[in-house]
Amino acid sequence: MRSTARVLKNHPIHPMLIPFPIAFFSATILCDIIARLTGSRDAFVLGYYLGIAGVVTAILAALPGLMDYSGSVPPASSAKKYAIWHMLSNLLVIAVFLAAWFLKRPEGLRPEWSTLILEAIGAGLLGFAGFLGGTLAYRFQIGVDHYYAEAGQWREITIENTFGDAVIVATPDELQVGQMKLIRIATPNSGQERRVVLARGQNGYLAFDDHCTHQGGSLADGACIRDYVQCPWHGSQFNMTTGQVNAGPAGQPVSTYEVRQTGSRIELLIRDLGKRAA
């Protein structure tokens, strides 16, 4: 799923920033160990400033991460659970290293054992958070803007559900056969969002939920294979016309929606979206 916070041809920002707090926190621990063992004033002062640099850069790295959490991780999915733990772990890392920093006295010569213990806990949490981040990137493909043959570039739009019969979602020639587009449908004054995939199959435009019924993977991020869509996480396949499962591990069908062409407009009928969402 393409990163929400991105630059330079869709490159995600979050992984560009996370090496900085990792490096600063690691160097902080090393300097404090040296200062504790040798009484080196220089090592103590360097560790003091590296600690606050780690906290500041961690907060900066968290901002695009929060954007990806909100916009790129599919809702109600197994990846969302990993993302929550990843976020909480990193917040704890910041809190622990900040507490360790406050325990240091700028005029001191060496850190207390309590400071080193806190930093050791922070290092463990940092490794756990990194494990979760790797799982999100490599297993769930969060932040990965991958391509397959003839898929075209990633497309998505956000529209407001005005509780009418239909909304315009594309033009007849916007998608080629085998291409898809993510439609985010926001409900006014509720903060809720419905995600629907618009796809062009061999016989025209089709629409279905952007939610694999196995573990909630984004089908818009998958691949069209003739009349089927394949989830990128575990390979479940669904008929894009009927929503029925063609291949597991998913066991339940996805909801499908009516699409019609009116002149030069492709319209999605949304009058029953709320019923199917329930």
C-alpha atoms as a PDB file:
ATOM      1  CA  MET A   1       0.000   0.000   0.000  1.00  0.00           C
ATOM      2  CA  ARG A   2       1.564   3.267  -1.130  1.00  0.00           C
ATOM      3  CA  SER A   3       2.791   5.531   1.647  1.00  0.00           C
ATOM      4  CA  THR A   4       0.625   8.526   2.533  1.00  0.00           C
ATOM      5  CA  ALA A   5       3.668  10.593   3.577  1.00  0.00           C
ATOM      6  CA  ARG A   6       5.924  10.418   0.532  1.00  0.00           C
ATOM      7  CA  VAL A   7       8.330  12.404  -1.633  1.00  0.00           C
ATOM      8  CA  LEU A   8      10.332  11.947  -4.828  1.00  0.00           C
ATOM      9  CA  LYS A   9       8.325   9.512  -6.941  1.00  0.00           C
ATOM     10  CA  ASN A  10       6.314   8.064  -4.042  1.00  0.00           C
ATOM     11  CA  HIS A  11       9.276   7.287  -1.781  1.00  0.00           C
ATOM     12  CA  PRO A  12       8.004   6.979   1.829  1.00  0.00           C
ATOM     13  CA  ILE A  13       9.390   9.525   4.282  1.00  0.00           C
ATOM     14  CA  HIS A  14       9.139   7.459   7.481  1.00  0.00           C
ATOM     15  CA  PRO A  15      11.909   4.919   6.650  1.00  0.00           C
ATOM     16  CA  MET A  16      14.152   7.800   5.544  1.00  0.00           C
ATOM     17  CA  LEU A  17      14.019   9.291   9.050  1.00  0.00           C
ATOM     18  CA  ILE A  18      14.082   6.295  11.406  1.00  0.00           C
ATOM     19  CA  PRO A  19      17.869   5.627  11.097  1.00  0.00           C
ATOM     20  CA  PHE A  20      18.569   8.913  12.898  1.00  0.00           C
ATOM     21  CA  PRO A  21      16.915   8.131  16.271  1.00  0.00           C
ATOM     22  CA  ILE A  22      18.251   4.558  16.080  1.00  0.00           C
ATOM     23  CA  ALA A  23      21.793   5.870  15.609  1.00  0.00           C
ATOM     24  CA  PHE A  24      21.469   8.578  18.270  1.00  0.00           C
ATOM     25  CA  PHE A  25      19.955   6.274  20.895  1.00  0.00           C
ATOM     26  CA  SER A  26      22.548   3.565  20.223  1.00  0.00           C
ATOM     27  CA  ALA A  27      25.381   6.095  20.500  1.00  0.00           C
ATOM     28  CA  THR A  28      23.846   7.448  23.713  1.00  0.00           C
ATOM     29  CA  ILE A  29      24.013   4.032  25.334  1.00  0.00           C
ATOM     30  CA  LEU A  30      27.598   3.500  24.165  1.00  0.00           C
ATOM     31  CA  CYS A  31      28.755   6.888  25.475  1.00  0.00           C
ATOM     32  CA  ASP A  32      27.038   6.376  28.826  1.00  0.00           C
ATOM     33  CA  ILE A  33      28.625   2.946  29.266  1.00  0.00           C
ATOM     34  CA  ILE A  34      32.057   4.442  28.546  1.00  0.00           C
ATOM     35  CA  ALA A  35      31.380   7.343  30.912  1.00  0.00           C
ATOM     36  CA  ARG A  36      30.231   4.984  33.666  1.00  0.00           C
ATOM     37  CA  LEU A  37      33.261   2.707  33.347  1.00  0.00           C
ATOM     38  CA  THR A  38      35.950   5.327  32.817  1.00  0.00           C
ATOM     39  CA  GLY A  39      34.552   8.520  34.295  1.00  0.00           C
ATOM     40  CA  SER A  40      35.144  10.304  30.976  1.00  0.00           C
ATOM     41  CA  ARG A  41      33.573  13.747  31.090  1.00  0.00           C
ATOM     42  CA  ASP A  42      33.666  13.992  27.298  1.00  0.00           C
ATOM     43  CA  ALA A  43      31.745  10.729  26.864  1.00  0.00           C
ATOM     44  CA  PHE A  44      29.190  11.848  29.450  1.00  0.00           C
ATOM     45  CA  VAL A  45      28.561  15.205  27.760  1.00  0.00           C
ATOM     46  CA  LEU A  46      28.369  13.602  24.307  1.00  0.00           C
ATOM     47  CA  GLY A  47      25.855  11.034  25.580  1.00  0.00           C
ATOM     48  CA  TYR A  48      23.848  13.835  27.190  1.00  0.00           C
ATOM     49  CA  TYR A  49      23.364  15.668  23.897  1.00  0.00           C
ATOM     50  CA  LEU A  50      22.964  12.517  21.806  1.00  0.00           C
ATOM     51  CA  GLY A  51      20.068  11.485  24.047  1.00  0.00           C
ATOM     52  CA  ILE A  52      18.064  14.622  23.399  1.00  0.00           C
ATOM     53  CA  ALA A  53      18.952  14.425  19.675  1.00  0.00           C
ATOM     54  CA  GLY A  54      17.489  10.910  19.649  1.00  0.00           C
ATOM     55  CA  VAL A  55      14.242  12.096  21.242  1.00  0.00           C
ATOM     56  CA  VAL A  56      13.849  15.017  18.826  1.00  0.00           C
ATOM     57  CA  THR A  57      14.544  12.942  15.701  1.00  0.00           C
ATOM     58  CA  ALA A  58      12.268  10.158  16.947  1.00  0.00           C
ATOM     59  CA  ILE A  59       9.401  12.641  17.219  1.00  0.00           C
ATOM     60  CA  LEU A  60      10.153  13.910  13.716  1.00  0.00           C
ATOM     61  CA  ALA A  61      10.166  10.346  12.358  1.00  0.00           C
ATOM     62  CA  ALA A  62       6.884   9.627  14.130  1.00  0.00           C
ATOM     63  CA  LEU A  63       4.972  12.338  12.278  1.00  0.00           C
ATOM     64  CA  PRO A  64       5.061  10.720   8.786  1.00  0.00           C
ATOM     65  CA  GLY A  65       4.610   7.377  10.517  1.00  0.00           C
ATOM     66  CA  LEU A  66       1.355   8.635  12.005  1.00  0.00           C
ATOM     67  CA  MET A  67       0.254   9.788   8.549  1.00  0.00           C
ATOM     68  CA  ASP A  68       0.935   6.302   7.156  1.00  0.00           C
ATOM     69  CA  TYR A  69      -0.935   4.751  10.087  1.00  0.00           C
ATOM     70  CA  SER A  70      -3.996   6.857   9.288  1.00  0.00           C
ATOM     71  CA  GLY A  71      -3.907   6.716   5.501  1.00  0.00           C
ATOM     72  CA  SER A  72      -1.974   3.638   4.360  1.00  0.00           C
ATOM     73  CA  VAL A  73      -2.675   0.841   6.848  1.00  0.00           C
ATOM     74  CA  PRO A  74      -5.999  -0.809   5.865  1.00  0.00           C
ATOM     75  CA  PRO A  75      -8.666  -0.340   8.561  1.00  0.00           C
ATOM     76  CA  ALA A  76      -9.962  -3.350  10.505  1.00  0.00           C
ATOM     77  CA  SER A  77      -7.004  -5.468   9.360  1.00  0.00           C
ATOM     78  CA  SER A  78      -4.327  -7.557  11.048  1.00  0.00           C
ATOM     79  CA  ALA A  79      -1.795  -4.947   9.880  1.00  0.00           C
ATOM     80  CA  LYS A  80      -3.647  -2.317  11.923  1.00  0.00           C
ATOM     81  CA  LYS A  81      -2.976  -4.311  15.098  1.00  0.00           C
ATOM     82  CA  TYR A  82       0.731  -4.513  14.296  1.00  0.00           C
ATOM     83  CA  ALA A  83       0.742  -0.792  13.495  1.00  0.00           C
ATOM     84  CA  ILE A  84      -0.826   0.059  16.863  1.00  0.00           C
ATOM     85  CA  TRP A  85       1.803  -1.949  18.740  1.00  0.00           C
ATOM     86  CA  HIS A  86       4.545  -0.428  16.563  1.00  0.00           C
ATOM     87  CA  MET A  87       3.321   3.054  17.426  1.00  0.00           C
ATOM     88  CA  LEU A  88       2.952   2.350  21.166  1.00  0.00           C
ATOM     89  CA  SER A  89       6.387   0.730  21.336  1.00  0.00           C
ATOM     90  CA  ASN A  90       8.037   3.740  19.741  1.00  0.00           C
ATOM     91  CA  LEU A  91       6.202   6.127  22.059  1.00  0.00           C
ATOM     92  CA  LEU A  92       7.518   4.108  24.994  1.00  0.00           C
ATOM     93  CA  VAL A  93      11.030   4.307  23.535  1.00  0.00           C
ATOM     94  CA  ILE A  94      10.784   8.092  23.464  1.00  0.00           C
ATOM     95  CA  ALA A  95       9.384   8.213  27.015  1.00  0.00           C
ATOM     96  CA  VAL A  96      12.061   5.887  28.430  1.00  0.00           C
ATOM     97  CA  PHE A  97      15.011   7.678  26.817  1.00  0.00           C
ATOM     98  CA  LEU A  98      13.561  11.036  27.825  1.00  0.00           C
ATOM     99  CA  ALA A  99      13.262   9.829  31.427  1.00  0.00           C
ATOM    100  CA  ALA A 100      16.859   8.601  31.291  1.00  0.00           C
ATOM    101  CA  TRP A 101      17.965  11.978  29.983  1.00  0.00           C
ATOM    102  CA  PHE A 102      16.228  13.800  32.840  1.00  0.00           C
ATOM    103  CA  LEU A 103      18.085  11.638  35.354  1.00  0.00           C
ATOM    104  CA  LYS A 104      21.424  12.922  34.096  1.00  0.00           C
ATOM    105  CA  ARG A 105      23.020  15.946  35.758  1.00  0.00           C
ATOM    106  CA  PRO A 106      24.796  18.187  33.233  1.00  0.00           C
ATOM    107  CA  GLU A 107      27.563  18.852  35.762  1.00  0.00           C
ATOM    108  CA  GLY A 108      28.065  15.144  36.499  1.00  0.00           C
ATOM    109  CA  LEU A 109      30.943  12.905  35.420  1.00  0.00           C
ATOM    110  CA  ARG A 110      29.133   9.637  34.898  1.00  0.00           C
ATOM    111  CA  PRO A 111      25.516   8.439  34.564  1.00  0.00           C
ATOM    112  CA  GLU A 112      23.787   6.589  37.373  1.00  0.00           C
ATOM    113  CA  TRP A 113      22.980   2.897  37.082  1.00  0.00           C
ATOM    114  CA  SER A 114      19.291   3.804  36.921  1.00  0.00           C
ATOM    115  CA  THR A 115      19.993   5.772  33.740  1.00  0.00           C
ATOM    116  CA  LEU A 116      21.755   2.804  32.141  1.00  0.00           C
ATOM    117  CA  ILE A 117      18.939   0.450  33.146  1.00  0.00           C
ATOM    118  CA  LEU A 118      16.352   2.738  31.555  1.00  0.00           C
ATOM    119  CA  GLU A 119      18.434   2.999  28.396  1.00  0.00           C
ATOM    120  CA  ALA A 120      18.755  -0.793  28.254  1.00  0.00           C
ATOM    121  CA  ILE A 121      14.968  -1.074  28.484  1.00  0.00           C
ATOM    122  CA  GLY A 122      14.654   1.559  25.759  1.00  0.00           C
ATOM    123  CA  ALA A 123      17.040  -0.392  23.535  1.00  0.00           C
ATOM    124  CA  GLY A 124      14.932  -3.528  23.941  1.00  0.00           C
ATOM    125  CA  LEU A 125      11.771  -1.627  23.097  1.00  0.00           C
ATOM    126  CA  LEU A 126      13.535  -0.073  20.109  1.00  0.00           C
ATOM    127  CA  GLY A 127      14.411  -3.519  18.768  1.00  0.00           C
ATOM    128  CA  PHE A 128      10.838  -4.747  19.293  1.00  0.00           C
ATOM    129  CA  ALA A 129       9.432  -1.680  17.512  1.00  0.00           C
ATOM    130  CA  GLY A 130      11.853  -2.267  14.639  1.00  0.00           C
ATOM    131  CA  PHE A 131      10.684  -5.876  14.364  1.00  0.00           C
ATOM    132  CA  LEU A 132       7.070  -4.701  14.096  1.00  0.00           C
ATOM    133  CA  GLY A 133       8.023  -2.042  11.545  1.00  0.00           C
ATOM    134  CA  GLY A 134       9.781  -4.656   9.440  1.00  0.00           C
ATOM    135  CA  THR A 135       6.692  -6.858   9.591  1.00  0.00           C
ATOM    136  CA  LEU A 136       4.524  -3.980   8.390  1.00  0.00           C
ATOM    137  CA  ALA A 137       6.857  -3.211   5.472  1.00  0.00           C
ATOM    138  CA  TYR A 138       7.875  -6.680   4.332  1.00  0.00           C
ATOM    139  CA  ARG A 139       4.884  -8.863   5.208  1.00  0.00           C
ATOM    140  CA  PHE A 140       2.015  -6.402   4.856  1.00  0.00           C
ATOM    141  CA  GLN A 141       3.729  -4.184   2.239  1.00  0.00           C
ATOM    142  CA  ILE A 142       2.827  -0.929   4.000  1.00  0.00           C
ATOM    143  CA  GLY A 143       4.625   1.894   2.220  1.00  0.00           C
ATOM    144  CA  VAL A 144       5.469  -0.298  -0.774  1.00  0.00           C
ATOM    145  CA  ASP A 145       4.423   1.208  -4.101  1.00  0.00           C
ATOM    146  CA  HIS A 146       4.765  -1.934  -6.196  1.00  0.00           C
ATOM    147  CA  TYR A 147       3.769  -2.448  -9.796  1.00  0.00           C
ATOM    148  CA  TYR A 148       2.684  -5.386 -11.895  1.00  0.00           C
ATOM    149  CA  ALA A 149       2.328  -5.690 -15.649  1.00  0.00           C
ATOM    150  CA  GLU A 150      -0.114  -3.156 -17.165  1.00  0.00           C
ATOM    151  CA  ALA A 151      -1.381  -2.067 -13.744  1.00  0.00           C
ATOM    152  CA  GLY A 152      -0.664   1.596 -14.381  1.00  0.00           C
ATOM    153  CA  GLN A 153       0.082   4.129 -11.666  1.00  0.00           C
ATOM    154  CA  TRP A 154      -1.665   4.099  -8.302  1.00  0.00           C
ATOM    155  CA  ARG A 155      -4.944   6.004  -8.372  1.00  0.00           C
ATOM    156  CA  GLU A 156      -7.186   7.074  -5.537  1.00  0.00           C
ATOM    157  CA  ILE A 157      -9.753   9.766  -4.827  1.00  0.00           C
ATOM    158  CA  THR A 158     -11.726  10.878  -1.780  1.00  0.00           C
ATOM    159  CA  ILE A 159     -15.364  11.810  -2.222  1.00  0.00           C
ATOM    160  CA  GLU A 160     -18.111  12.782   0.176  1.00  0.00           C
ATOM    161  CA  ASN A 161     -21.127  10.598   0.648  1.00  0.00           C
ATOM    162  CA  THR A 162     -24.025  12.981   0.107  1.00  0.00           C
ATOM    163  CA  PHE A 163     -26.541  10.185   0.654  1.00  0.00           C
ATOM    164  CA  GLY A 164     -27.716  10.381  -2.937  1.00  0.00           C
ATOM    165  CA  ASP A 165     -28.032   7.598  -5.459  1.00  0.00           C
ATOM    166  CA  ALA A 166     -24.681   7.880  -7.228  1.00  0.00           C
ATOM    167  CA  VAL A 167     -21.342   9.645  -7.297  1.00  0.00           C
ATOM    168  CA  ILE A 168     -18.983  10.227 -10.206  1.00  0.00           C
ATOM    169  CA  VAL A 169     -15.812   8.181  -9.732  1.00  0.00           C
ATOM    170  CA  ALA A 170     -14.108   8.077 -13.162  1.00  0.00           C
ATOM    171  CA  THR A 171     -14.318   8.699 -16.882  1.00  0.00           C
ATOM    172  CA  PRO A 172     -14.851   5.821 -19.347  1.00  0.00           C
ATOM    173  CA  ASP A 173     -11.265   5.844 -20.621  1.00  0.00           C
ATOM    174  CA  GLU A 174      -9.523   6.508 -17.283  1.00  0.00           C
ATOM    175  CA  LEU A 175      -8.706   2.866 -16.547  1.00  0.00           C
ATOM    176  CA  GLN A 176      -7.488   0.174 -18.875  1.00  0.00           C
ATOM    177  CA  VAL A 177      -8.600  -3.464 -18.552  1.00  0.00           C
ATOM    178  CA  GLY A 178      -6.931  -4.919 -15.466  1.00  0.00           C
ATOM    179  CA  GLN A 179      -6.434  -1.589 -13.691  1.00  0.00           C
ATOM    180  CA  MET A 180      -7.972  -0.433 -10.404  1.00  0.00           C
ATOM    181  CA  LYS A 181      -8.654   2.745  -8.452  1.00  0.00           C
ATOM    182  CA  LEU A 182      -9.266   3.251  -4.727  1.00  0.00           C
ATOM    183  CA  ILE A 183     -12.352   5.268  -3.820  1.00  0.00           C
ATOM    184  CA  ARG A 184     -12.440   6.701  -0.291  1.00  0.00           C
ATOM    185  CA  ILE A 185     -16.011   7.637   0.602  1.00  0.00           C
ATOM    186  CA  ALA A 186     -16.207   9.947   3.619  1.00  0.00           C
ATOM    187  CA  THR A 187     -19.428  10.312   5.598  1.00  0.00           C
ATOM    188  CA  PRO A 188     -20.000  13.944   6.660  1.00  0.00           C
ATOM    189  CA  ASN A 189     -19.754  14.774  10.383  1.00  0.00           C
ATOM    190  CA  SER A 190     -18.948  11.181  11.364  1.00  0.00           C
ATOM    191  CA  GLY A 191     -15.233  10.782  10.734  1.00  0.00           C
ATOM    192  CA  GLN A 192     -15.950   7.424   9.118  1.00  0.00           C
ATOM    193  CA  GLU A 193     -14.619   6.366   5.755  1.00  0.00           C
ATOM    194  CA  ARG A 194     -15.694   3.606   3.384  1.00  0.00           C
ATOM    195  CA  ARG A 195     -13.129   2.187   0.943  1.00  0.00           C
ATOM    196  CA  VAL A 196     -14.326   0.805  -2.369  1.00  0.00           C
ATOM    197  CA  VAL A 197     -12.296  -0.436  -5.326  1.00  0.00           C
ATOM    198  CA  LEU A 198     -13.239   0.577  -8.854  1.00  0.00           C
ATOM    199  CA  ALA A 199     -11.819  -1.906 -11.358  1.00  0.00           C
ATOM    200  CA  ARG A 200     -12.067  -2.324 -15.105  1.00  0.00           C
ATOM    201  CA  GLY A 201     -12.648  -5.938 -15.992  1.00  0.00           C
ATOM    202  CA  GLN A 202     -12.942  -7.560 -19.376  1.00  0.00           C
ATOM    203  CA  ASN A 203     -16.626  -6.612 -19.605  1.00  0.00           C
ATOM    204  CA  GLY A 204     -16.564  -3.119 -18.109  1.00  0.00           C
ATOM    205  CA  TYR A 205     -16.290  -1.333 -14.780  1.00  0.00           C
ATOM    206  CA  LEU A 206     -16.877  -3.125 -11.468  1.00  0.00           C
ATOM    207  CA  ALA A 207     -16.831  -2.094  -7.804  1.00  0.00           C
ATOM    208  CA  PHE A 208     -16.234  -4.027  -4.603  1.00  0.00           C
ATOM    209  CA  ASP A 209     -15.049  -3.515  -1.010  1.00  0.00           C
ATOM    210  CA  ASP A 210     -11.370  -2.728  -0.477  1.00  0.00           C
ATOM    211  CA  HIS A 211     -11.172  -5.287   2.297  1.00  0.00           C
ATOM    212  CA  CYS A 212     -10.017  -8.889   1.965  1.00  0.00           C
ATOM    213  CA  THR A 213     -12.234 -11.002   4.198  1.00  0.00           C
ATOM    214  CA  HIS A 214      -9.233 -13.040   5.385  1.00  0.00           C
ATOM    215  CA  GLN A 215      -7.139 -10.479   7.288  1.00  0.00           C
ATOM    216  CA  GLY A 216      -8.281  -7.154   5.843  1.00  0.00           C
ATOM    217  CA  GLY A 217      -5.667  -6.600   3.128  1.00  0.00           C
ATOM    218  CA  SER A 218      -6.246  -3.823   0.597  1.00  0.00           C
ATOM    219  CA  LEU A 219      -7.577  -5.323  -2.639  1.00  0.00           C
ATOM    220  CA  ALA A 220      -6.854  -2.071  -4.472  1.00  0.00           C
ATOM    221  CA  ASP A 221      -3.203  -2.846  -3.829  1.00  0.00           C
ATOM    222  CA  GLY A 222      -3.578  -6.324  -5.329  1.00  0.00           C
ATOM    223  CA  ALA A 223      -3.656  -7.592  -8.889  1.00  0.00           C
ATOM    224  CA  CYS A 224      -6.437  -8.067 -11.431  1.00  0.00           C
ATOM    225  CA  ILE A 225      -6.272 -11.523 -13.014  1.00  0.00           C
ATOM    226  CA  ARG A 226      -8.878 -11.701 -15.790  1.00  0.00           C
ATOM    227  CA  ASP A 227     -12.192 -11.489 -13.861  1.00  0.00           C
ATOM    228  CA  TYR A 228     -10.621 -11.865 -10.412  1.00  0.00           C
ATOM    229  CA  VAL A 229      -8.782  -9.675  -7.931  1.00  0.00           C
ATOM    230  CA  GLN A 230      -5.974 -11.155  -5.839  1.00  0.00           C
ATOM    231  CA  CYS A 231      -5.100  -9.914  -2.360  1.00  0.00           C
ATOM    232  CA  PRO A 232      -1.402  -8.997  -2.055  1.00  0.00           C
ATOM    233  CA  TRP A 233      -1.027 -10.391   1.476  1.00  0.00           C
ATOM    234  CA  HIS A 234      -1.911 -14.084   1.227  1.00  0.00           C
ATOM    235  CA  GLY A 235      -3.173 -14.571  -2.330  1.00  0.00           C
ATOM    236  CA  SER A 236      -6.931 -14.849  -1.760  1.00  0.00           C
ATOM    237  CA  GLN A 237      -8.848 -14.345  -5.019  1.00  0.00           C
ATOM    238  CA  PHE A 238     -12.354 -12.928  -5.454  1.00  0.00           C
ATOM    239  CA  ASN A 239     -14.654 -12.716  -8.453  1.00  0.00           C
ATOM    240  CA  MET A 240     -14.913  -8.983  -9.150  1.00  0.00           C
ATOM    241  CA  THR A 241     -18.489  -9.312 -10.454  1.00  0.00           C
ATOM    242  CA  THR A 242     -20.048 -11.488  -7.747  1.00  0.00           C
ATOM    243  CA  GLY A 243     -17.596 -11.047  -4.892  1.00  0.00           C
ATOM    244  CA  GLN A 244     -17.385 -14.826  -4.410  1.00  0.00           C
ATOM    245  CA  VAL A 245     -14.151 -16.454  -3.281  1.00  0.00           C
ATOM    246  CA  ASN A 246     -12.217 -18.117  -6.089  1.00  0.00           C
ATOM    247  CA  ALA A 247      -9.201 -19.148  -4.002  1.00  0.00           C
ATOM    248  CA  GLY A 248      -8.456 -19.068  -0.280  1.00  0.00           C
ATOM    249  CA  PRO A 249      -7.430 -18.642   2.443  1.00  0.00           C
ATOM    250  CA  ALA A 250     -10.383 -16.196   2.563  1.00  0.00           C
ATOM    251  CA  GLY A 251     -13.650 -17.950   3.309  1.00  0.00           C
ATOM    252  CA  GLN A 252     -16.200 -15.154   2.927  1.00  0.00           C
ATOM    253  CA  PRO A 253     -17.095 -13.123  -0.204  1.00  0.00           C
ATOM    254  CA  VAL A 254     -16.565  -9.381  -0.538  1.00  0.00           C
ATOM    255  CA  SER A 255     -19.457  -6.990  -1.100  1.00  0.00           C
ATOM    256  CA  THR A 256     -19.907  -5.709  -4.638  1.00  0.00           C
ATOM    257  CA  TYR A 257     -21.630  -2.542  -5.867  1.00  0.00           C
ATOM    258  CA  GLU A 258     -23.382  -1.411  -8.981  1.00  0.00           C
ATOM    259  CA  VAL A 259     -21.532   0.789 -11.449  1.00  0.00           C
ATOM    260  CA  ARG A 260     -23.083   2.530 -14.440  1.00  0.00           C
ATOM    261  CA  GLN A 261     -21.891   4.653 -17.307  1.00  0.00           C
ATOM    262  CA  THR A 262     -23.814   7.849 -17.966  1.00  0.00           C
ATOM    263  CA  GLY A 263     -22.428   9.617 -21.006  1.00  0.00           C
ATOM    264  CA  SER A 264     -18.835  10.515 -20.212  1.00  0.00           C
ATOM    265  CA  ARG A 265     -19.134   9.595 -16.539  1.00  0.00           C
ATOM    266  CA  ILE A 266     -18.646   6.405 -14.557  1.00  0.00           C
ATOM    267  CA  GLU A 267     -20.915   6.469 -11.530  1.00  0.00           C
ATOM    268  CA  LEU A 268     -20.893   4.362  -8.390  1.00  0.00           C
ATOM    269  CA  LEU A 269     -24.306   3.692  -6.878  1.00  0.00           C
ATOM    270  CA  ILE A 270     -23.913   4.303  -3.165  1.00  0.00           C
ATOM    271  CA  ARG A 271     -27.475   4.160  -1.889  1.00  0.00           C
ATOM    272  CA  ASP A 272     -26.835   0.793  -0.186  1.00  0.00           C
ATOM    273  CA  LEU A 273     -23.265   1.368   1.006  1.00  0.00           C
ATOM    274  CA  GLY A 274     -24.342   2.008   4.559  1.00  0.00           C
ATOM    275  CA  LYS A 275     -26.454  -1.167   4.701  1.00  0.00           C
ATOM    276  CA  ARG A 276     -23.637  -3.325   3.397  1.00  0.00           C
ATOM    277  CA  ALA A 277     -21.126  -1.664   5.724  1.00  0.00           C
ATOM    278  CA  ALA A 278     -23.247  -2.676   8.680  1.00  0.00           C
END
